[in-house]
């Protein structure tokens, strides 16, 4: 597919790709140059506070796993049994 670089450095993404990727107006796209090619990737943008809170939660869980406070399950059904209060 060929697109044309327009005034103000604008490029139109072909409709087939927009539909295939489920893109819509207002979506954020990251544009990078790599080895002489241009790559465009859809991205999700989250508030910095949300990402920081998520990192803190992950670090807390890692610490609980290290201390043995957080159980680790080999199978999903073991987790569900524990959540349901069944010790099968």
PDB file of N, CA and C in Angstrom:
ATOM      1  N   UNK A   1       0.838  -1.176   0.000  1.00  0.00           N
ATOM      2  CA  UNK A   1       0.000   0.000   0.000  1.00  0.00           C
ATOM      3  C   UNK A   1       0.878   1.232   0.000  1.00  0.00           C
ATOM      4  N   UNK A   2       0.538   2.157  -0.801  1.00  0.00           N
ATOM      5  CA  UNK A   2       1.324   3.382  -0.912  1.00  0.00           C
ATOM      6  C   UNK A   2       0.489   4.554  -0.402  1.00  0.00           C
ATOM      7  N   UNK A   3       1.122   5.354   0.466  1.00  0.00           N
ATOM      8  CA  UNK A   3       0.510   6.590   0.948  1.00  0.00           C
ATOM      9  C   UNK A   3       1.410   7.737   0.546  1.00  0.00           C
ATOM     10  N   UNK A   4       0.851   8.907   0.515  1.00  0.00           N
ATOM     11  CA  UNK A   4       1.595  10.094   0.099  1.00  0.00           C
ATOM     12  C   UNK A   4       1.812  11.007   1.300  1.00  0.00           C
ATOM     13  N   UNK A   5       3.023  11.516   1.424  1.00  0.00           N
ATOM     14  CA  UNK A   5       3.316  12.498   2.457  1.00  0.00           C
ATOM     15  C   UNK A   5       2.719  13.826   2.012  1.00  0.00           C
ATOM     16  N   UNK A   6       1.869  14.391   2.845  1.00  0.00           N
ATOM     17  CA  UNK A   6       1.158  15.618   2.495  1.00  0.00           C
ATOM     18  C   UNK A   6       1.725  16.813   3.253  1.00  0.00           C
ATOM     19  N   UNK A   7       1.115  17.955   2.977  1.00  0.00           N
ATOM     20  CA  UNK A   7       1.505  19.176   3.655  1.00  0.00           C
ATOM     21  C   UNK A   7       1.424  18.947   5.164  1.00  0.00           C
ATOM     22  N   UNK A   8       2.269  19.580   5.920  1.00  0.00           N
ATOM     23  CA  UNK A   8       2.352  19.455   7.375  1.00  0.00           C
ATOM     24  C   UNK A   8       2.759  18.042   7.794  1.00  0.00           C
ATOM     25  N   UNK A   9       3.458  17.316   6.917  1.00  0.00           N
ATOM     26  CA  UNK A   9       3.988  15.969   7.213  1.00  0.00           C
ATOM     27  C   UNK A   9       2.905  14.957   7.541  1.00  0.00           C
ATOM     28  N   UNK A  10       1.711  15.104   7.004  1.00  0.00           N
ATOM     29  CA  UNK A  10       0.611  14.189   7.289  1.00  0.00           C
ATOM     30  C   UNK A  10       0.595  13.026   6.302  1.00  0.00           C
ATOM     31  N   UNK A  11       0.281  11.838   6.828  1.00  0.00           N
ATOM     32  CA  UNK A  11       0.157  10.623   6.028  1.00  0.00           C
ATOM     33  C   UNK A  11      -1.175   9.983   6.381  1.00  0.00           C
ATOM     34  N   UNK A  12      -1.898   9.496   5.377  1.00  0.00           N
ATOM     35  CA  UNK A  12      -3.153   8.796   5.618  1.00  0.00           C
ATOM     36  C   UNK A  12      -2.869   7.305   5.699  1.00  0.00           C
ATOM     37  N   UNK A  13      -3.345   6.667   6.776  1.00  0.00           N
ATOM     38  CA  UNK A  13      -3.220   5.214   6.917  1.00  0.00           C
ATOM     39  C   UNK A  13      -4.344   4.583   6.099  1.00  0.00           C
ATOM     40  N   UNK A  14      -4.026   3.630   5.228  1.00  0.00           N
ATOM     41  CA  UNK A  14      -5.056   3.011   4.405  1.00  0.00           C
ATOM     42  C   UNK A  14      -6.198   2.434   5.243  1.00  0.00           C
ATOM     43  N   UNK A  15      -7.419   2.624   4.761  1.00  0.00           N
ATOM     44  CA  UNK A  15      -8.621   2.204   5.479  1.00  0.00           C
ATOM     45  C   UNK A  15      -8.580   0.724   5.847  1.00  0.00           C
ATOM     46  N   UNK A  16      -8.030  -0.115   4.960  1.00  0.00           N
ATOM     47  CA  UNK A  16      -7.962  -1.553   5.242  1.00  0.00           C
ATOM     48  C   UNK A  16      -7.167  -1.833   6.519  1.00  0.00           C
ATOM     49  N   UNK A  17      -6.058  -1.097   6.709  1.00  0.00           N
ATOM     50  CA  UNK A  17      -5.249  -1.286   7.914  1.00  0.00           C
ATOM     51  C   UNK A  17      -5.952  -0.736   9.147  1.00  0.00           C
ATOM     52  N   UNK A  18      -6.607   0.397   8.988  1.00  0.00           N
ATOM     53  CA  UNK A  18      -7.344   0.984  10.110  1.00  0.00           C
ATOM     54  C   UNK A  18      -8.407   0.005  10.596  1.00  0.00           C
ATOM     55  N   UNK A  19      -9.127  -0.579   9.670  1.00  0.00           N
ATOM     56  CA  UNK A  19     -10.183  -1.529  10.034  1.00  0.00           C
ATOM     57  C   UNK A  19      -9.587  -2.814  10.611  1.00  0.00           C
ATOM     58  N   UNK A  20      -8.541  -3.332   9.985  1.00  0.00           N
ATOM     59  CA  UNK A  20      -7.912  -4.573  10.448  1.00  0.00           C
ATOM     60  C   UNK A  20      -7.395  -4.438  11.877  1.00  0.00           C
ATOM     61  N   UNK A  21      -6.830  -3.279  12.202  1.00  0.00           N
ATOM     62  CA  UNK A  21      -6.269  -3.049  13.530  1.00  0.00           C
ATOM     63  C   UNK A  21      -7.281  -2.490  14.524  1.00  0.00           C
ATOM     64  N   UNK A  22      -8.488  -2.183  14.048  1.00  0.00           N
ATOM     65  CA  UNK A  22      -9.513  -1.655  14.943  1.00  0.00           C
ATOM     66  C   UNK A  22      -9.201  -0.254  15.443  1.00  0.00           C
ATOM     67  N   UNK A  23      -8.507   0.530  14.634  1.00  0.00           N
ATOM     68  CA  UNK A  23      -8.165   1.892  15.045  1.00  0.00           C
ATOM     69  C   UNK A  23      -9.351   2.823  14.864  1.00  0.00           C
ATOM     70  N   UNK A  24      -9.358   3.874  15.679  1.00  0.00           N
ATOM     71  CA  UNK A  24     -10.415   4.871  15.550  1.00  0.00           C
ATOM     72  C   UNK A  24      -9.827   6.257  15.811  1.00  0.00           C
ATOM     73  N   UNK A  25     -10.561   7.255  15.421  1.00  0.00           N
ATOM     74  CA  UNK A  25     -10.104   8.629  15.597  1.00  0.00           C
ATOM     75  C   UNK A  25      -9.765   8.882  17.063  1.00  0.00           C
ATOM     76  N   UNK A  26      -8.636   9.505  17.292  1.00  0.00           N
ATOM     77  CA  UNK A  26      -8.206   9.822  18.651  1.00  0.00           C
ATOM     78  C   UNK A  26      -7.247   8.799  19.243  1.00  0.00           C
ATOM     79  N   UNK A  27      -7.115   7.619  18.610  1.00  0.00           N
ATOM     80  CA  UNK A  27      -6.156   6.630  19.104  1.00  0.00           C
ATOM     81  C   UNK A  27      -4.748   7.201  19.030  1.00  0.00           C
ATOM     82  N   UNK A  28      -3.909   6.799  19.961  1.00  0.00           N
ATOM     83  CA  UNK A  28      -2.523   7.259  19.995  1.00  0.00           C
ATOM     84  C   UNK A  28      -1.656   6.257  19.231  1.00  0.00           C
ATOM     85  N   UNK A  29      -0.697   6.798  18.468  1.00  0.00           N
ATOM     86  CA  UNK A  29       0.218   5.977  17.685  1.00  0.00           C
ATOM     87  C   UNK A  29       1.644   6.411  17.994  1.00  0.00           C
ATOM     88  N   UNK A  30       2.525   5.444  18.234  1.00  0.00           N
ATOM     89  CA  UNK A  30       3.938   5.750  18.415  1.00  0.00           C
ATOM     90  C   UNK A  30       4.621   5.562  17.068  1.00  0.00           C
ATOM     91  N   UNK A  31       5.421   6.536  16.684  1.00  0.00           N
ATOM     92  CA  UNK A  31       6.117   6.493  15.405  1.00  0.00           C
ATOM     93  C   UNK A  31       7.611   6.522  15.688  1.00  0.00           C
ATOM     94  N   UNK A  32       8.326   5.488  15.208  1.00  0.00           N
ATOM     95  CA  UNK A  32       9.767   5.427  15.415  1.00  0.00           C
ATOM     96  C   UNK A  32      10.460   5.120  14.095  1.00  0.00           C
ATOM     97  N   UNK A  33      11.721   5.502  14.041  1.00  0.00           N
ATOM     98  CA  UNK A  33      12.565   5.149  12.902  1.00  0.00           C
ATOM     99  C   UNK A  33      13.509   4.061  13.361  1.00  0.00           C
ATOM    100  N   UNK A  34      13.622   3.002  12.571  1.00  0.00           N
ATOM    101  CA  UNK A  34      14.523   1.902  12.904  1.00  0.00           C
ATOM    102  C   UNK A  34      15.164   1.400  11.614  1.00  0.00           C
ATOM    103  N   UNK A  35      16.473   1.525  11.550  1.00  0.00           N
ATOM    104  CA  UNK A  35      17.237   1.055  10.386  1.00  0.00           C
ATOM    105  C   UNK A  35      16.687   1.595   9.064  1.00  0.00           C
ATOM    106  N   UNK A  36      16.332   2.870   9.049  1.00  0.00           N
ATOM    107  CA  UNK A  36      15.865   3.491   7.821  1.00  0.00           C
ATOM    108  C   UNK A  36      14.410   3.241   7.480  1.00  0.00           C
ATOM    109  N   UNK A  37      13.666   2.564   8.356  1.00  0.00           N
ATOM    110  CA  UNK A  37      12.244   2.358   8.118  1.00  0.00           C
ATOM    111  C   UNK A  37      11.448   3.112   9.177  1.00  0.00           C
ATOM    112  N   UNK A  38      10.219   3.441   8.867  1.00  0.00           N
ATOM    113  CA  UNK A  38       9.317   4.097   9.809  1.00  0.00           C
ATOM    114  C   UNK A  38       8.334   3.056  10.315  1.00  0.00           C
ATOM    115  N   UNK A  39       8.228   2.928  11.628  1.00  0.00           N
ATOM    116  CA  UNK A  39       7.284   1.993  12.237  1.00  0.00           C
ATOM    117  C   UNK A  39       6.230   2.779  12.996  1.00  0.00           C
ATOM    118  N   UNK A  40       4.976   2.401  12.810  1.00  0.00           N
ATOM    119  CA  UNK A  40       3.855   3.039  13.497  1.00  0.00           C
ATOM    120  C   UNK A  40       3.149   1.968  14.311  1.00  0.00           C
ATOM    121  N   UNK A  41       3.022   2.195  15.621  1.00  0.00           N
ATOM    122  CA  UNK A  41       2.402   1.211  16.507  1.00  0.00           C
ATOM    123  C   UNK A  41       1.324   1.859  17.365  1.00  0.00           C
ATOM    124  N   UNK A  42       0.144   1.240  17.442  1.00  0.00           N
ATOM    125  CA  UNK A  42      -0.878   1.742  18.369  1.00  0.00           C
ATOM    126  C   UNK A  42      -0.386   1.584  19.812  1.00  0.00           C
ATOM    127  N   UNK A  43      -0.672   2.548  20.644  1.00  0.00           N
ATOM    128  CA  UNK A  43      -0.279   2.492  22.047  1.00  0.00           C
ATOM    129  C   UNK A  43      -1.454   2.897  22.934  1.00  0.00           C
ATOM    130  N   UNK A  44      -1.397   2.452  24.169  1.00  0.00           N
ATOM    131  CA  UNK A  44      -2.345   2.888  25.187  1.00  0.00           C
ATOM    132  C   UNK A  44      -1.603   3.840  26.109  1.00  0.00           C
ATOM    133  N   UNK A  45      -2.235   4.917  26.460  1.00  0.00           N
ATOM    134  CA  UNK A  45      -1.620   5.902  27.332  1.00  0.00           C
ATOM    135  C   UNK A  45      -2.387   5.911  28.650  1.00  0.00           C
ATOM    136  N   UNK A  46      -1.642   5.739  29.748  1.00  0.00           N
ATOM    137  CA  UNK A  46      -2.246   5.722  31.077  1.00  0.00           C
ATOM    138  C   UNK A  46      -1.652   6.854  31.905  1.00  0.00           C
ATOM    139  N   UNK A  47      -2.418   7.384  32.848  1.00  0.00           N
ATOM    140  CA  UNK A  47      -1.870   8.427  33.723  1.00  0.00           C
ATOM    141  C   UNK A  47      -0.676   7.888  34.515  1.00  0.00           C
ATOM    142  N   UNK A  48       0.326   8.738  34.713  1.00  0.00           N
ATOM    143  CA  UNK A  48       1.544   8.346  35.424  1.00  0.00           C
ATOM    144  C   UNK A  48       1.233   7.763  36.800  1.00  0.00           C
ATOM    145  N   UNK A  49       0.295   8.344  37.514  1.00  0.00           N
ATOM    146  CA  UNK A  49      -0.078   7.866  38.854  1.00  0.00           C
ATOM    147  C   UNK A  49      -0.586   6.432  38.795  1.00  0.00           C
ATOM    148  N   UNK A  50      -1.386   6.095  37.785  1.00  0.00           N
ATOM    149  CA  UNK A  50      -1.908   4.736  37.619  1.00  0.00           C
ATOM    150  C   UNK A  50      -0.761   3.749  37.422  1.00  0.00           C
ATOM    151  N   UNK A  51       0.198   4.106  36.575  1.00  0.00           N
ATOM    152  CA  UNK A  51       1.338   3.223  36.307  1.00  0.00           C
ATOM    153  C   UNK A  51       2.181   3.060  37.568  1.00  0.00           C
ATOM    154  N   UNK A  52       2.407   4.132  38.304  1.00  0.00           N
ATOM    155  CA  UNK A  52       3.179   4.053  39.548  1.00  0.00           C
ATOM    156  C   UNK A  52       2.485   3.166  40.567  1.00  0.00           C
ATOM    157  N   UNK A  53       1.165   3.305  40.719  1.00  0.00           N
ATOM    158  CA  UNK A  53       0.411   2.457  41.646  1.00  0.00           C
ATOM    159  C   UNK A  53       0.484   0.991  41.238  1.00  0.00           C
ATOM    160  N   UNK A  54       0.405   0.730  39.941  1.00  0.00           N
ATOM    161  CA  UNK A  54       0.486  -0.643  39.441  1.00  0.00           C
ATOM    162  C   UNK A  54       1.866  -1.238  39.732  1.00  0.00           C
ATOM    163  N   UNK A  55       2.923  -0.458  39.520  1.00  0.00           N
ATOM    164  CA  UNK A  55       4.281  -0.922  39.829  1.00  0.00           C
ATOM    165  C   UNK A  55       4.418  -1.230  41.315  1.00  0.00           C
ATOM    166  N   UNK A  56       3.861  -0.368  42.172  1.00  0.00           N
ATOM    167  CA  UNK A  56       3.915  -0.597  43.618  1.00  0.00           C
ATOM    168  C   UNK A  56       3.208  -1.900  43.984  1.00  0.00           C
ATOM    169  N   UNK A  57       2.056  -2.137  43.379  1.00  0.00           N
ATOM    170  CA  UNK A  57       1.298  -3.363  43.662  1.00  0.00           C
ATOM    171  C   UNK A  57       2.090  -4.596  43.232  1.00  0.00           C
ATOM    172  N   UNK A  58       2.706  -4.535  42.078  1.00  0.00           N
ATOM    173  CA  UNK A  58       3.523  -5.661  41.594  1.00  0.00           C
ATOM    174  C   UNK A  58       4.691  -5.909  42.546  1.00  0.00           C
ATOM    175  N   UNK A  59       5.355  -4.846  42.981  1.00  0.00           N
ATOM    176  CA  UNK A  59       6.468  -4.998  43.919  1.00  0.00           C
ATOM    177  C   UNK A  59       6.005  -5.583  45.248  1.00  0.00           C
ATOM    178  N   UNK A  60       4.813  -5.179  45.720  1.00  0.00           N
ATOM    179  CA  UNK A  60       4.265  -5.744  46.962  1.00  0.00           C
ATOM    180  C   UNK A  60       3.997  -7.233  46.814  1.00  0.00           C
ATOM    181  N   UNK A  61       3.449  -7.643  45.693  1.00  0.00           N
ATOM    182  CA  UNK A  61       3.162  -9.056  45.459  1.00  0.00           C
ATOM    183  C   UNK A  61       4.460  -9.852  45.376  1.00  0.00           C
ATOM    184  N   UNK A  62       5.472  -9.297  44.679  1.00  0.00           N
ATOM    185  CA  UNK A  62       6.776  -9.975  44.603  1.00  0.00           C
ATOM    186  C   UNK A  62       7.369 -10.175  45.989  1.00  0.00           C
ATOM    187  N   UNK A  63       7.257  -9.150  46.852  1.00  0.00           N
ATOM    188  CA  UNK A  63       7.780  -9.254  48.215  1.00  0.00           C
ATOM    189  C   UNK A  63       7.028 -10.326  49.003  1.00  0.00           C
ATOM    190  N   UNK A  64       5.709 -10.403  48.825  1.00  0.00           N
ATOM    191  CA  UNK A  64       4.918 -11.423  49.512  1.00  0.00           C
ATOM    192  C   UNK A  64       5.281 -12.826  49.039  1.00  0.00           C
ATOM    193  N   UNK A  65       5.544 -12.971  47.748  1.00  0.00           N
ATOM    194  CA  UNK A  65       5.962 -14.271  47.217  1.00  0.00           C
ATOM    195  C   UNK A  65       7.304 -14.661  47.820  1.00  0.00           C
ATOM    196  N   UNK A  66       8.256 -13.715  47.875  1.00  0.00           N
ATOM    197  CA  UNK A  66       9.586 -13.987  48.441  1.00  0.00           C
ATOM    198  C   UNK A  66       9.498 -14.402  49.912  1.00  0.00           C
ATOM    199  N   UNK A  67       8.599 -13.763  50.660  1.00  0.00           N
ATOM    200  CA  UNK A  67       8.492 -14.054  52.097  1.00  0.00           C
ATOM    201  C   UNK A  67       7.653 -15.293  52.374  1.00  0.00           C
ATOM    202  N   UNK A  68       6.984 -15.839  51.339  1.00  0.00           N
ATOM    203  CA  UNK A  68       6.136 -17.015  51.528  1.00  0.00           C
ATOM    204  C   UNK A  68       4.722 -16.663  51.950  1.00  0.00           C
ATOM    205  N   UNK A  69       4.441 -15.377  52.071  1.00  0.00           N
ATOM    206  CA  UNK A  69       3.112 -14.923  52.486  1.00  0.00           C
ATOM    207  C   UNK A  69       2.074 -15.102  51.375  1.00  0.00           C
ATOM    208  N   UNK A  70       2.516 -15.000  50.112  1.00  0.00           N
ATOM    209  CA  UNK A  70       1.627 -15.144  48.953  1.00  0.00           C
ATOM    210  C   UNK A  70       1.741 -16.563  48.414  1.00  0.00           C
ATOM    211  N   UNK A  71       0.640 -17.346  48.464  1.00  0.00           N
ATOM    212  CA  UNK A  71       0.720 -18.697  47.912  1.00  0.00           C
ATOM    213  C   UNK A  71       0.911 -18.675  46.395  1.00  0.00           C
ATOM    214  N   UNK A  72       1.582 -19.717  45.921  1.00  0.00           N
ATOM    215  CA  UNK A  72       1.794 -19.887  44.482  1.00  0.00           C
ATOM    216  C   UNK A  72       1.098 -21.171  44.074  1.00  0.00           C
ATOM    217  N   UNK A  73       0.355 -21.112  42.978  1.00  0.00           N
ATOM    218  CA  UNK A  73      -0.424 -22.267  42.530  1.00  0.00           C
ATOM    219  C   UNK A  73       0.158 -22.812  41.229  1.00  0.00           C
ATOM    220  N   UNK A  74       0.203 -24.140  41.145  1.00  0.00           N
ATOM    221  CA  UNK A  74       0.686 -24.789  39.925  1.00  0.00           C
ATOM    222  C   UNK A  74      -0.399 -24.875  38.866  1.00  0.00           C
ATOM    223  N   UNK A  75      -1.651 -24.875  39.314  1.00  0.00           N
ATOM    224  CA  UNK A  75      -2.772 -25.005  38.372  1.00  0.00           C
ATOM    225  C   UNK A  75      -3.853 -24.000  38.740  1.00  0.00           C
ATOM    226  N   UNK A  76      -4.571 -23.544  37.736  1.00  0.00           N
ATOM    227  CA  UNK A  76      -5.629 -22.550  37.941  1.00  0.00           C
ATOM    228  C   UNK A  76      -6.727 -23.109  38.840  1.00  0.00           C
ATOM    229  N   UNK A  77      -7.058 -24.395  38.687  1.00  0.00           N
ATOM    230  CA  UNK A  77      -8.133 -24.963  39.512  1.00  0.00           C
ATOM    231  C   UNK A  77      -7.758 -24.962  40.992  1.00  0.00           C
ATOM    232  N   UNK A  78      -6.467 -25.064  41.320  1.00  0.00           N
ATOM    233  CA  UNK A  78      -6.051 -24.964  42.722  1.00  0.00           C
ATOM    234  C   UNK A  78      -6.371 -23.572  43.280  1.00  0.00           C
ATOM    235  N   UNK A  79      -6.103 -22.558  42.484  1.00  0.00           N
ATOM    236  CA  UNK A  79      -6.414 -21.191  42.892  1.00  0.00           C
ATOM    237  C   UNK A  79      -7.907 -21.021  43.107  1.00  0.00           C
ATOM    238  N   UNK A  80      -8.722 -21.499  42.146  1.00  0.00           N
ATOM    239  CA  UNK A  80     -10.174 -21.362  42.275  1.00  0.00           C
ATOM    240  C   UNK A  80     -10.702 -22.126  43.486  1.00  0.00           C
ATOM    241  N   UNK A  81     -10.147 -23.300  43.738  1.00  0.00           N
ATOM    242  CA  UNK A  81     -10.582 -24.059  44.922  1.00  0.00           C
ATOM    243  C   UNK A  81     -10.273 -23.275  46.197  1.00  0.00           C
ATOM    244  N   UNK A  82      -9.102 -22.660  46.243  1.00  0.00           N
ATOM    245  CA  UNK A  82      -8.741 -21.843  47.414  1.00  0.00           C
ATOM    246  C   UNK A  82      -9.682 -20.649  47.564  1.00  0.00           C
ATOM    247  N   UNK A  83      -9.990 -19.996  46.442  1.00  0.00           N
ATOM    248  CA  UNK A  83     -10.896 -18.853  46.487  1.00  0.00           C
ATOM    249  C   UNK A  83     -12.303 -19.252  46.887  1.00  0.00           C
ATOM    250  N   UNK A  84     -12.728 -20.460  46.479  1.00  0.00           N
ATOM    251  CA  UNK A  84     -14.055 -20.962  46.836  1.00  0.00           C
ATOM    252  C   UNK A  84     -14.115 -21.541  48.240  1.00  0.00           C
ATOM    253  N   UNK A  85     -12.941 -21.666  48.885  1.00  0.00           N
ATOM    254  CA  UNK A  85     -12.909 -22.249  50.228  1.00  0.00           C
ATOM    255  C   UNK A  85     -12.860 -23.752  50.222  1.00  0.00           C
ATOM    256  N   UNK A  86     -12.588 -24.358  49.092  1.00  0.00           N
ATOM    257  CA  UNK A  86     -12.462 -25.817  48.979  1.00  0.00           C
ATOM    258  C   UNK A  86     -10.976 -26.181  49.031  1.00  0.00           C
ATOM    259  N   UNK A  87     -10.637 -27.165  49.810  1.00  0.00           N
ATOM    260  CA  UNK A  87      -9.249 -27.584  49.921  1.00  0.00           C
ATOM    261  C   UNK A  87      -9.014 -28.929  49.236  1.00  0.00           C
ATOM    262  N   UNK A  88      -9.572 -29.096  48.057  1.00  0.00           N
ATOM    263  CA  UNK A  88      -9.400 -30.373  47.341  1.00  0.00           C
ATOM    264  C   UNK A  88      -8.015 -30.545  46.833  1.00  0.00           C
TER     265      UNK A  88
END
